[in-house]
Amino acid sequence: MSFSWTKIGIFASGVLFGTAGVKILGSKDAKKVYTHTAAAALRAKEDVMTKATDIRENCSDILADAKRINEERAAKEAAEEIIEDEADETVNDEM
């Protein structure tokens, strides 16, 4: 078996950096960073949910207004149709 000092050095460096990385990730300072990051994510989530609720409410208002407009338009068209029918009947009665 032939061991290359380069490969052994790379392996040892990896183990050293891995161990140091685990210590760094588990430190109190890192935990503070995780906590602040999680708190920011929760605030962002709450803001997004608030905006989504506002948009949903606005869409409901828009839909209600659109239905009202269509009902008023249909009523107006029905009234105009009745007037046209009465006008046609008057013309036919005069002939």
Protein backbone atom coordinates (compact mmCIF):
# COMPACT_ATOMS: atom_id res chain seq x y z
CA MET A 1 0.00 0.00 0.00
CA SER A 2 1.21 3.37 -0.93
CA PHE A 3 0.03 6.32 1.10
CA SER A 4 0.46 9.74 -0.34
CA TRP A 5 1.28 12.42 2.18
CA THR A 6 -0.82 14.82 0.12
CA LYS A 7 -3.91 12.65 0.46
CA ILE A 8 -3.30 12.16 4.18
CA GLY A 9 -2.83 15.92 4.58
CA ILE A 10 -6.07 16.65 2.74
CA PHE A 11 -7.93 14.10 4.87
CA ALA A 12 -6.49 15.53 8.10
CA SER A 13 -7.41 19.06 7.00
CA GLY A 14 -10.95 17.93 6.27
CA VAL A 15 -11.27 16.34 9.71
CA LEU A 16 -9.82 19.46 11.35
CA PHE A 17 -12.14 21.83 9.48
CA GLY A 18 -15.11 19.54 10.08
CA THR A 19 -14.43 19.43 13.82
CA ALA A 20 -13.90 23.18 13.96
CA GLY A 21 -17.06 23.70 11.91
CA VAL A 22 -19.12 21.61 14.33
CA LYS A 23 -17.74 23.60 17.27
CA ILE A 24 -18.47 26.89 15.54
CA LEU A 25 -21.98 25.84 14.54
CA GLY A 26 -22.70 24.72 18.11
CA SER A 27 -21.32 27.83 19.82
CA LYS A 28 -23.41 30.30 21.78
CA ASP A 29 -22.75 33.02 19.20
CA ALA A 30 -23.95 30.78 16.40
CA LYS A 31 -27.09 29.96 18.39
CA LYS A 32 -27.76 33.69 18.76
CA VAL A 33 -27.46 34.08 14.99
CA TYR A 34 -29.85 31.15 14.45
CA THR A 35 -32.31 32.64 16.93
CA HIS A 36 -32.25 36.09 15.31
CA THR A 37 -32.56 34.55 11.86
CA ALA A 38 -35.55 32.46 12.96
CA ALA A 39 -37.16 35.53 14.57
CA ALA A 40 -36.70 37.51 11.34
CA ALA A 41 -38.21 34.66 9.33
CA LEU A 42 -41.24 34.55 11.65
CA ARG A 43 -41.71 38.33 11.30
CA ALA A 44 -41.48 38.03 7.53
CA LYS A 45 -44.01 35.18 7.56
CA GLU A 46 -46.43 37.25 9.65
CA ASP A 47 -46.04 40.20 7.28
CA VAL A 48 -46.68 38.01 4.25
CA MET A 49 -49.76 36.48 5.88
CA THR A 50 -51.10 39.95 6.74
CA LYS A 51 -50.60 41.11 3.15
CA ALA A 52 -52.23 37.95 1.81
CA THR A 53 -55.25 38.54 4.05
CA ASP A 54 -55.49 42.16 2.85
CA ILE A 55 -55.33 41.05 -0.78
CA ARG A 56 -57.97 38.36 -0.18
CA GLU A 57 -60.29 40.93 1.43
CA ASN A 58 -59.75 43.37 -1.44
CA CYS A 59 -60.54 40.63 -3.95
CA SER A 60 -63.77 39.86 -2.09
CA ASP A 61 -64.72 43.55 -2.20
CA ILE A 62 -63.93 43.74 -5.92
CA LEU A 63 -66.00 40.63 -6.62
CA ALA A 64 -68.97 42.00 -4.65
CA ASP A 65 -68.77 45.33 -6.51
CA ALA A 66 -68.55 43.55 -9.88
CA LYS A 67 -71.64 41.46 -9.07
CA ARG A 68 -73.53 44.59 -8.02
CA ILE A 69 -72.56 46.36 -11.25
CA ASN A 70 -73.72 43.40 -13.34
CA GLU A 71 -77.03 43.21 -11.44
CA GLU A 72 -77.65 46.93 -11.99
CA ARG A 73 -76.78 46.57 -15.67
CA ALA A 74 -79.10 43.58 -16.07
CA ALA A 75 -81.93 45.50 -14.36
CA LYS A 76 -81.35 48.49 -16.64
CA GLU A 77 -81.33 46.28 -19.74
CA ALA A 78 -84.52 44.55 -18.58
CA ALA A 79 -86.20 47.93 -18.06
CA GLU A 80 -85.11 49.08 -21.52
CA GLU A 81 -86.42 45.84 -23.02
CA ILE A 82 -89.81 46.38 -21.38
CA ILE A 83 -89.94 49.93 -22.75
CA GLU A 84 -89.07 48.67 -26.26
CA ASP A 85 -91.73 45.95 -26.02
CA GLU A 86 -94.35 48.52 -24.97
CA ALA A 87 -93.30 50.81 -27.81
CA ASP A 88 -93.64 47.93 -30.32
CA GLU A 89 -97.09 47.09 -28.95
CA THR A 90 -98.19 50.74 -29.24
CA VAL A 91 -97.02 50.89 -32.86
CA ASN A 92 -98.80 47.60 -33.69
CA ASP A 93 -102.02 48.77 -32.01
CA GLU A 94 -102.04 51.98 -34.06
CA MET A 95 -101.82 50.07 -37.37
